[in-house]
Amino acid sequence: MDNFDRKILQAFQENTRLTTAELGEMVGLSASACHRRLARLRKSGVIQSEIAVIDPRSIGRTVTLIVTVTLEREQSDMIAEFKRAMRENIDIMQCYYVTGAVDFIMVLTSKSMESYDAFVQRFLFANRNVRRFETFAVMDRVKVGFDLPILLDPD
């Protein structure tokens, strides 16, 4: 990956709707060169996904929660099963398997606290491998996004 790729990634993660001509103008390459580089970055997995960040309130998801989960047993099959369940649950926006005092941290949205309580009953209380969980209700979305700091290599 060279500095042109890094410049493309920086501009593209801020606005994926840029045309290759606009992108080329921003980074100093032709539109066709930008098109080839974007295709290569997608194919190699550097660009994993191109997503829209939607305000959850606009679709009735008025409550955002951060939940930490500690499992009863940390056996590889039980961890794998918990990860699978996390990936399949549409309420969970993000989930991280972490080190430290807890095993997982998840971010999810809900229509209401009552809906979240139903999620807890179905997903956490019903799972015999969940030892403990703690919920943090988000009061304000201060910063939301997936932008990464992309630094240019000094020449």
N, C-alpha and C. Protein backbone atom coordinates (compact mmCIF):
# COMPACT_ATOMS: atom_id res chain seq x y z
N MET A 1 0.85 -1.18 0.00
CA MET A 1 0.00 0.00 0.00
C MET A 1 0.89 1.24 0.00
N ASP A 2 0.67 2.11 -0.96
CA ASP A 2 1.46 3.33 -1.04
C ASP A 2 0.63 4.54 -0.58
N ASN A 3 1.23 5.72 -0.68
CA ASN A 3 0.55 6.92 -0.20
C ASN A 3 -0.69 7.26 -1.02
N PHE A 4 -0.70 6.90 -2.32
CA PHE A 4 -1.92 7.12 -3.11
C PHE A 4 -3.07 6.29 -2.55
N ASP A 5 -2.79 5.02 -2.21
CA ASP A 5 -3.82 4.17 -1.61
C ASP A 5 -4.30 4.77 -0.30
N ARG A 6 -3.37 5.26 0.51
CA ARG A 6 -3.75 5.84 1.80
C ARG A 6 -4.61 7.09 1.61
N LYS A 7 -4.25 7.93 0.63
CA LYS A 7 -5.04 9.13 0.35
C LYS A 7 -6.44 8.75 -0.13
N ILE A 8 -6.51 7.73 -0.99
CA ILE A 8 -7.81 7.25 -1.47
C ILE A 8 -8.65 6.76 -0.31
N LEU A 9 -8.05 5.95 0.57
CA LEU A 9 -8.79 5.42 1.71
C LEU A 9 -9.28 6.54 2.63
N GLN A 10 -8.42 7.54 2.87
CA GLN A 10 -8.81 8.65 3.74
C GLN A 10 -10.02 9.38 3.17
N ALA A 11 -9.97 9.71 1.89
CA ALA A 11 -11.08 10.43 1.26
C ALA A 11 -12.32 9.55 1.16
N PHE A 12 -12.11 8.28 0.81
CA PHE A 12 -13.24 7.37 0.58
C PHE A 12 -13.99 7.04 1.86
N GLN A 13 -13.27 6.90 2.98
CA GLN A 13 -13.98 6.58 4.22
C GLN A 13 -14.79 7.77 4.72
N GLU A 14 -14.44 8.96 4.31
CA GLU A 14 -15.22 10.14 4.69
C GLU A 14 -16.45 10.31 3.80
N ASN A 15 -16.36 9.84 2.54
CA ASN A 15 -17.48 9.97 1.61
C ASN A 15 -17.37 8.89 0.53
N THR A 16 -18.12 7.81 0.69
CA THR A 16 -18.06 6.71 -0.27
C THR A 16 -18.84 7.02 -1.55
N ARG A 17 -19.49 8.16 -1.59
CA ARG A 17 -20.26 8.53 -2.78
C ARG A 17 -19.45 9.34 -3.78
N LEU A 18 -18.18 9.60 -3.46
CA LEU A 18 -17.33 10.31 -4.41
C LEU A 18 -17.19 9.51 -5.69
N THR A 19 -17.24 10.18 -6.82
CA THR A 19 -16.96 9.49 -8.08
C THR A 19 -15.45 9.26 -8.16
N THR A 20 -15.05 8.35 -9.03
CA THR A 20 -13.61 8.12 -9.18
C THR A 20 -12.92 9.35 -9.76
N ALA A 21 -13.64 10.15 -10.53
CA ALA A 21 -13.08 11.40 -11.06
C ALA A 21 -12.82 12.39 -9.91
N GLU A 22 -13.81 12.53 -9.01
CA GLU A 22 -13.64 13.42 -7.86
C GLU A 22 -12.52 12.93 -6.95
N LEU A 23 -12.49 11.63 -6.74
CA LEU A 23 -11.45 11.03 -5.92
C LEU A 23 -10.08 11.26 -6.54
N GLY A 24 -9.98 11.04 -7.83
CA GLY A 24 -8.73 11.25 -8.54
C GLY A 24 -8.22 12.67 -8.42
N GLU A 25 -9.16 13.61 -8.53
CA GLU A 25 -8.78 15.02 -8.40
C GLU A 25 -8.24 15.31 -7.00
N MET A 26 -8.84 14.70 -6.01
CA MET A 26 -8.43 14.93 -4.62
C MET A 26 -7.05 14.35 -4.32
N VAL A 27 -6.72 13.21 -4.92
CA VAL A 27 -5.48 12.52 -4.57
C VAL A 27 -4.39 12.65 -5.62
N GLY A 28 -4.71 13.24 -6.77
CA GLY A 28 -3.70 13.46 -7.80
C GLY A 28 -3.51 12.27 -8.74
N LEU A 29 -4.58 11.53 -9.03
CA LEU A 29 -4.53 10.41 -9.97
C LEU A 29 -5.68 10.53 -10.96
N SER A 30 -5.61 9.77 -12.03
CA SER A 30 -6.71 9.74 -12.99
C SER A 30 -7.87 8.95 -12.40
N ALA A 31 -9.05 9.16 -12.98
CA ALA A 31 -10.23 8.42 -12.53
C ALA A 31 -10.03 6.93 -12.73
N SER A 32 -9.45 6.52 -13.85
CA SER A 32 -9.26 5.09 -14.11
C SER A 32 -8.26 4.48 -13.12
N ALA A 33 -7.22 5.23 -12.75
CA ALA A 33 -6.26 4.73 -11.75
C ALA A 33 -6.94 4.56 -10.40
N CYS A 34 -7.79 5.52 -10.03
CA CYS A 34 -8.53 5.40 -8.77
C CYS A 34 -9.48 4.22 -8.82
N HIS A 35 -10.15 4.02 -9.95
CA HIS A 35 -11.06 2.88 -10.10
C HIS A 35 -10.32 1.56 -9.89
N ARG A 36 -9.16 1.41 -10.52
CA ARG A 36 -8.36 0.18 -10.38
C ARG A 36 -7.90 -0.01 -8.93
N ARG A 37 -7.45 1.06 -8.31
CA ARG A 37 -6.98 0.96 -6.93
C ARG A 37 -8.13 0.62 -5.97
N LEU A 38 -9.28 1.24 -6.15
CA LEU A 38 -10.44 0.91 -5.31
C LEU A 38 -10.84 -0.56 -5.49
N ALA A 39 -10.84 -1.02 -6.72
CA ALA A 39 -11.19 -2.43 -6.97
C ALA A 39 -10.20 -3.35 -6.26
N ARG A 40 -8.91 -3.02 -6.31
CA ARG A 40 -7.90 -3.84 -5.64
C ARG A 40 -8.06 -3.79 -4.12
N LEU A 41 -8.36 -2.61 -3.57
CA LEU A 41 -8.54 -2.47 -2.12
C LEU A 41 -9.78 -3.23 -1.65
N ARG A 42 -10.81 -3.27 -2.47
CA ARG A 42 -12.00 -4.06 -2.13
C ARG A 42 -11.69 -5.55 -2.19
N LYS A 43 -11.07 -5.96 -3.29
CA LYS A 43 -10.79 -7.40 -3.49
C LYS A 43 -9.86 -7.95 -2.42
N SER A 44 -8.89 -7.16 -1.99
CA SER A 44 -7.93 -7.63 -0.99
C SER A 44 -8.49 -7.60 0.43
N GLY A 45 -9.67 -6.98 0.62
CA GLY A 45 -10.28 -6.93 1.94
C GLY A 45 -9.89 -5.73 2.77
N VAL A 46 -9.07 -4.83 2.21
CA VAL A 46 -8.75 -3.59 2.93
C VAL A 46 -10.04 -2.80 3.15
N ILE A 47 -10.84 -2.66 2.09
CA ILE A 47 -12.17 -2.08 2.22
C ILE A 47 -13.11 -3.25 2.46
N GLN A 48 -13.58 -3.37 3.69
CA GLN A 48 -14.42 -4.51 4.07
C GLN A 48 -15.88 -4.30 3.73
N SER A 49 -16.35 -3.07 3.81
CA SER A 49 -17.77 -2.81 3.58
C SER A 49 -17.96 -1.32 3.33
N GLU A 50 -19.00 -1.00 2.59
CA GLU A 50 -19.38 0.39 2.37
C GLU A 50 -20.80 0.52 2.90
N ILE A 51 -20.94 1.27 4.00
CA ILE A 51 -22.20 1.28 4.73
C ILE A 51 -22.76 2.69 4.88
N ALA A 52 -24.03 2.77 5.19
CA ALA A 52 -24.67 4.02 5.56
C ALA A 52 -24.82 4.00 7.08
N VAL A 53 -24.49 5.10 7.72
CA VAL A 53 -24.71 5.23 9.16
C VAL A 53 -26.06 5.91 9.34
N ILE A 54 -27.00 5.18 9.91
CA ILE A 54 -28.38 5.65 10.03
C ILE A 54 -28.66 6.06 11.47
N ASP A 55 -29.34 7.16 11.63
CA ASP A 55 -29.76 7.60 12.96
C ASP A 55 -30.80 6.62 13.47
N PRO A 56 -30.52 5.87 14.55
CA PRO A 56 -31.47 4.86 15.02
C PRO A 56 -32.83 5.44 15.40
N ARG A 57 -32.85 6.67 15.87
CA ARG A 57 -34.13 7.29 16.25
C ARG A 57 -35.07 7.43 15.06
N SER A 58 -34.48 7.62 13.86
CA SER A 58 -35.31 7.82 12.67
C SER A 58 -36.09 6.56 12.30
N ILE A 59 -35.68 5.40 12.82
CA ILE A 59 -36.40 4.16 12.54
C ILE A 59 -36.99 3.57 13.83
N GLY A 60 -37.17 4.43 14.82
CA GLY A 60 -37.86 4.02 16.04
C GLY A 60 -36.99 3.29 17.05
N ARG A 61 -35.67 3.28 16.87
CA ARG A 61 -34.77 2.64 17.84
C ARG A 61 -34.24 3.76 18.74
N THR A 62 -35.02 4.12 19.76
CA THR A 62 -34.74 5.31 20.56
C THR A 62 -33.77 5.09 21.71
N VAL A 63 -33.46 3.83 22.01
CA VAL A 63 -32.59 3.53 23.14
C VAL A 63 -31.33 2.82 22.62
N THR A 64 -30.18 3.36 22.97
CA THR A 64 -28.91 2.71 22.64
C THR A 64 -28.29 2.24 23.94
N LEU A 65 -27.79 1.01 23.93
CA LEU A 65 -27.24 0.41 25.15
C LEU A 65 -25.88 -0.22 24.88
N ILE A 66 -25.03 -0.13 25.86
CA ILE A 66 -23.75 -0.84 25.84
C ILE A 66 -23.84 -1.88 26.94
N VAL A 67 -23.58 -3.12 26.58
CA VAL A 67 -23.75 -4.22 27.52
C VAL A 67 -22.45 -5.01 27.61
N THR A 68 -21.99 -5.23 28.84
CA THR A 68 -20.84 -6.11 29.05
C THR A 68 -21.36 -7.46 29.51
N VAL A 69 -20.71 -8.51 29.03
CA VAL A 69 -21.15 -9.87 29.35
C VAL A 69 -19.96 -10.69 29.82
N THR A 70 -20.16 -11.39 30.93
CA THR A 70 -19.17 -12.34 31.44
C THR A 70 -19.77 -13.73 31.34
N LEU A 71 -19.02 -14.63 30.73
CA LEU A 71 -19.51 -16.00 30.57
C LEU A 71 -19.16 -16.84 31.79
N GLU A 72 -19.94 -17.86 32.01
CA GLU A 72 -19.72 -18.80 33.12
C GLU A 72 -18.46 -19.63 32.88
N ARG A 73 -18.38 -20.18 31.68
CA ARG A 73 -17.22 -21.01 31.31
C ARG A 73 -16.64 -20.47 30.02
N GLU A 74 -15.32 -20.38 29.97
CA GLU A 74 -14.66 -19.85 28.78
C GLU A 74 -14.06 -20.99 27.96
N GLN A 75 -14.89 -21.94 27.58
CA GLN A 75 -14.45 -23.02 26.73
C GLN A 75 -14.65 -22.59 25.28
N SER A 76 -13.77 -23.04 24.40
CA SER A 76 -13.79 -22.56 23.02
C SER A 76 -15.12 -22.81 22.32
N ASP A 77 -15.77 -23.94 22.57
CA ASP A 77 -17.05 -24.20 21.91
C ASP A 77 -18.14 -23.26 22.43
N MET A 78 -18.09 -22.92 23.71
CA MET A 78 -19.10 -22.01 24.27
C MET A 78 -18.87 -20.58 23.81
N ILE A 79 -17.62 -20.20 23.68
CA ILE A 79 -17.30 -18.86 23.16
C ILE A 79 -17.75 -18.77 21.70
N ALA A 80 -17.45 -19.82 20.93
CA ALA A 80 -17.86 -19.84 19.51
C ALA A 80 -19.38 -19.77 19.38
N GLU A 81 -20.09 -20.45 20.23
CA GLU A 81 -21.56 -20.42 20.20
C GLU A 81 -22.08 -19.04 20.56
N PHE A 82 -21.48 -18.39 21.55
CA PHE A 82 -21.92 -17.06 21.93
C PHE A 82 -21.64 -16.08 20.78
N LYS A 83 -20.47 -16.18 20.15
CA LYS A 83 -20.15 -15.32 19.01
C LYS A 83 -21.17 -15.51 17.88
N ARG A 84 -21.52 -16.76 17.60
CA ARG A 84 -22.49 -17.05 16.54
C ARG A 84 -23.83 -16.39 16.86
N ALA A 85 -24.27 -16.52 18.10
CA ALA A 85 -25.54 -15.93 18.51
C ALA A 85 -25.50 -14.41 18.40
N MET A 86 -24.37 -13.81 18.71
CA MET A 86 -24.21 -12.36 18.59
C MET A 86 -24.35 -11.93 17.13
N ARG A 87 -23.64 -12.63 16.24
CA ARG A 87 -23.69 -12.29 14.82
C ARG A 87 -25.10 -12.41 14.23
N GLU A 88 -25.88 -13.36 14.73
CA GLU A 88 -27.21 -13.61 14.19
C GLU A 88 -28.29 -12.71 14.77
N ASN A 89 -28.03 -12.02 15.86
CA ASN A 89 -29.04 -11.19 16.51
C ASN A 89 -29.09 -9.81 15.87
N ILE A 90 -30.23 -9.45 15.29
CA ILE A 90 -30.33 -8.18 14.57
C ILE A 90 -30.30 -6.96 15.48
N ASP A 91 -30.57 -7.13 16.77
CA ASP A 91 -30.54 -5.99 17.69
C ASP A 91 -29.12 -5.52 17.97
N ILE A 92 -28.16 -6.41 17.84
CA ILE A 92 -26.77 -6.11 18.20
C ILE A 92 -26.06 -5.48 17.01
N MET A 93 -25.61 -4.26 17.20
CA MET A 93 -24.92 -3.53 16.14
C MET A 93 -23.44 -3.87 16.10
N GLN A 94 -22.84 -3.97 17.26
CA GLN A 94 -21.42 -4.28 17.36
C GLN A 94 -21.21 -5.21 18.53
N CYS A 95 -20.21 -6.08 18.40
CA CYS A 95 -19.88 -6.99 19.48
C CYS A 95 -18.38 -7.23 19.45
N TYR A 96 -17.75 -7.17 20.60
CA TYR A 96 -16.32 -7.36 20.71
C TYR A 96 -16.03 -8.41 21.78
N TYR A 97 -15.18 -9.35 21.43
CA TYR A 97 -14.66 -10.34 22.39
C TYR A 97 -13.40 -9.71 22.94
N VAL A 98 -13.34 -9.47 24.25
CA VAL A 98 -12.30 -8.63 24.83
C VAL A 98 -11.54 -9.34 25.95
N THR A 99 -10.42 -8.75 26.32
CA THR A 99 -9.68 -9.20 27.49
C THR A 99 -10.12 -8.35 28.68
N GLY A 100 -9.79 -8.78 29.88
CA GLY A 100 -10.10 -7.98 31.06
C GLY A 100 -11.17 -8.61 31.92
N ALA A 101 -11.89 -7.77 32.62
CA ALA A 101 -12.86 -8.24 33.62
C ALA A 101 -14.12 -8.85 33.02
N VAL A 102 -14.40 -8.54 31.74
CA VAL A 102 -15.58 -9.11 31.06
C VAL A 102 -15.11 -9.84 29.81
N ASP A 103 -16.01 -10.62 29.23
CA ASP A 103 -15.65 -11.38 28.02
C ASP A 103 -16.10 -10.71 26.74
N PHE A 104 -17.25 -10.06 26.76
CA PHE A 104 -17.81 -9.43 25.56
C PHE A 104 -18.34 -8.05 25.89
N ILE A 105 -18.24 -7.16 24.92
CA ILE A 105 -18.88 -5.86 25.00
C ILE A 105 -19.71 -5.72 23.73
N MET A 106 -20.98 -5.38 23.90
CA MET A 106 -21.84 -5.21 22.73
C MET A 106 -22.54 -3.87 22.78
N VAL A 107 -22.84 -3.37 21.59
CA VAL A 107 -23.60 -2.15 21.43
C VAL A 107 -24.87 -2.54 20.70
N LEU A 108 -26.01 -2.13 21.24
CA LEU A 108 -27.27 -2.47 20.59
C LEU A 108 -28.26 -1.34 20.73
N THR A 109 -29.28 -1.39 19.90
CA THR A 109 -30.36 -0.42 19.99
C THR A 109 -31.67 -1.15 20.26
N SER A 110 -32.62 -0.41 20.79
CA SER A 110 -33.92 -0.99 21.11
C SER A 110 -34.98 0.08 20.94
N LYS A 111 -36.22 -0.36 20.75
CA LYS A 111 -37.33 0.58 20.62
C LYS A 111 -37.67 1.23 21.96
N SER A 112 -37.43 0.49 23.05
CA SER A 112 -37.77 0.99 24.38
C SER A 112 -37.04 0.15 25.42
N MET A 113 -37.11 0.58 26.66
CA MET A 113 -36.52 -0.23 27.73
C MET A 113 -37.31 -1.52 27.89
N GLU A 114 -38.60 -1.49 27.62
CA GLU A 114 -39.40 -2.72 27.69
C GLU A 114 -38.94 -3.72 26.63
N SER A 115 -38.64 -3.23 25.44
CA SER A 115 -38.12 -4.11 24.39
C SER A 115 -36.75 -4.65 24.77
N TYR A 116 -35.93 -3.79 25.38
CA TYR A 116 -34.63 -4.27 25.83
C TYR A 116 -34.79 -5.34 26.90
N ASP A 117 -35.74 -5.16 27.81
CA ASP A 117 -35.98 -6.17 28.84
C ASP A 117 -36.36 -7.51 28.21
N ALA A 118 -37.17 -7.47 27.16
CA ALA A 118 -37.54 -8.71 26.45
C ALA A 118 -36.31 -9.35 25.82
N PHE A 119 -35.41 -8.52 25.26
CA PHE A 119 -34.15 -9.02 24.70
C PHE A 119 -33.32 -9.70 25.80
N VAL A 120 -33.23 -9.06 26.95
CA VAL A 120 -32.47 -9.62 28.08
C VAL A 120 -33.04 -10.98 28.48
N GLN A 121 -34.35 -11.06 28.57
CA GLN A 121 -34.99 -12.33 28.95
C GLN A 121 -34.66 -13.43 27.93
N ARG A 122 -34.81 -13.11 26.64
CA ARG A 122 -34.60 -14.08 25.57
C ARG A 122 -33.14 -14.45 25.38
N PHE A 123 -32.28 -13.45 25.43
CA PHE A 123 -30.91 -13.64 24.99
C PHE A 123 -29.91 -13.86 26.13
N LEU A 124 -30.08 -13.17 27.22
CA LEU A 124 -29.09 -13.26 28.30
C LEU A 124 -29.54 -14.19 29.42
N PHE A 125 -30.74 -13.99 29.95
CA PHE A 125 -31.20 -14.88 31.03
C PHE A 125 -31.40 -16.31 30.55
N ALA A 126 -31.78 -16.48 29.31
CA ALA A 126 -32.02 -17.83 28.78
C ALA A 126 -30.73 -18.58 28.45
N ASN A 127 -29.61 -17.86 28.41
CA ASN A 127 -28.33 -18.50 28.08
C ASN A 127 -27.65 -18.93 29.38
N ARG A 128 -27.55 -20.23 29.58
CA ARG A 128 -26.99 -20.75 30.85
C ARG A 128 -25.51 -20.45 31.00
N ASN A 129 -24.85 -20.05 29.91
CA ASN A 129 -23.42 -19.75 30.00
C ASN A 129 -23.16 -18.28 30.33
N VAL A 130 -24.19 -17.46 30.43
CA VAL A 130 -24.00 -16.06 30.83
C VAL A 130 -24.01 -16.00 32.35
N ARG A 131 -22.86 -15.67 32.91
CA ARG A 131 -22.75 -15.56 34.37
C ARG A 131 -23.28 -14.22 34.84
N ARG A 132 -22.92 -13.17 34.10
CA ARG A 132 -23.24 -11.82 34.56
C ARG A 132 -23.26 -10.89 33.37
N PHE A 133 -24.07 -9.86 33.43
CA PHE A 133 -24.04 -8.80 32.42
C PHE A 133 -24.33 -7.47 33.10
N GLU A 134 -23.86 -6.42 32.49
CA GLU A 134 -24.10 -5.07 33.02
C GLU A 134 -24.48 -4.19 31.84
N THR A 135 -25.50 -3.36 32.04
CA THR A 135 -26.03 -2.53 30.97
C THR A 135 -25.75 -1.06 31.27
N PHE A 136 -25.33 -0.36 30.24
CA PHE A 136 -25.12 1.09 30.31
C PHE A 136 -26.02 1.72 29.26
N ALA A 137 -26.94 2.58 29.68
CA ALA A 137 -27.82 3.28 28.73
C ALA A 137 -27.09 4.51 28.22
N VAL A 138 -27.07 4.68 26.92
CA VAL A 138 -26.39 5.81 26.29
C VAL A 138 -27.30 7.04 26.38
N MET A 139 -26.75 8.12 26.93
CA MET A 139 -27.51 9.36 27.06
C MET A 139 -27.37 10.24 25.81
N ASP A 140 -26.20 10.17 25.13
CA ASP A 140 -25.97 11.02 23.95
C ASP A 140 -24.94 10.35 23.05
N ARG A 141 -25.22 10.29 21.77
CA ARG A 141 -24.26 9.78 20.79
C ARG A 141 -23.29 10.89 20.46
N VAL A 142 -22.14 10.89 21.09
CA VAL A 142 -21.17 11.97 20.93
C VAL A 142 -20.41 11.82 19.61
N LYS A 143 -20.03 10.60 19.27
CA LYS A 143 -19.31 10.35 18.02
C LYS A 143 -19.64 8.94 17.57
N VAL A 144 -20.06 8.83 16.32
CA VAL A 144 -20.40 7.53 15.76
C VAL A 144 -19.73 7.42 14.41
N GLY A 145 -19.07 6.33 14.16
CA GLY A 145 -18.45 6.13 12.85
C GLY A 145 -17.42 5.03 12.89
N PHE A 146 -16.85 4.81 11.74
CA PHE A 146 -15.83 3.79 11.62
C PHE A 146 -14.55 4.33 10.99
N ASP A 147 -14.43 5.64 10.88
CA ASP A 147 -13.23 6.23 10.27
C ASP A 147 -11.99 5.86 11.06
N LEU A 148 -10.96 5.45 10.33
CA LEU A 148 -9.68 5.13 10.94
C LEU A 148 -8.67 6.23 10.61
N PRO A 149 -7.75 6.52 11.52
CA PRO A 149 -6.69 7.48 11.19
C PRO A 149 -5.73 6.83 10.20
N ILE A 150 -5.62 7.42 9.03
CA ILE A 150 -4.74 6.86 8.00
C ILE A 150 -3.60 7.84 7.81
N LEU A 151 -2.41 7.40 8.14
CA LEU A 151 -1.23 8.24 8.08
C LEU A 151 -0.45 7.94 6.81
N LEU A 152 0.08 9.00 6.21
CA LEU A 152 0.92 8.83 5.04
C LEU A 152 2.33 8.42 5.47
N ASP A 153 2.94 7.58 4.66
CA ASP A 153 4.33 7.23 4.92
C ASP A 153 5.22 8.40 4.56
N PRO A 154 6.16 8.77 5.45
CA PRO A 154 7.07 9.86 5.09
C PRO A 154 8.01 9.37 3.99
N ASP A 155 8.18 10.22 2.99
CA ASP A 155 9.07 9.83 1.88
C ASP A 155 10.49 10.23 2.11
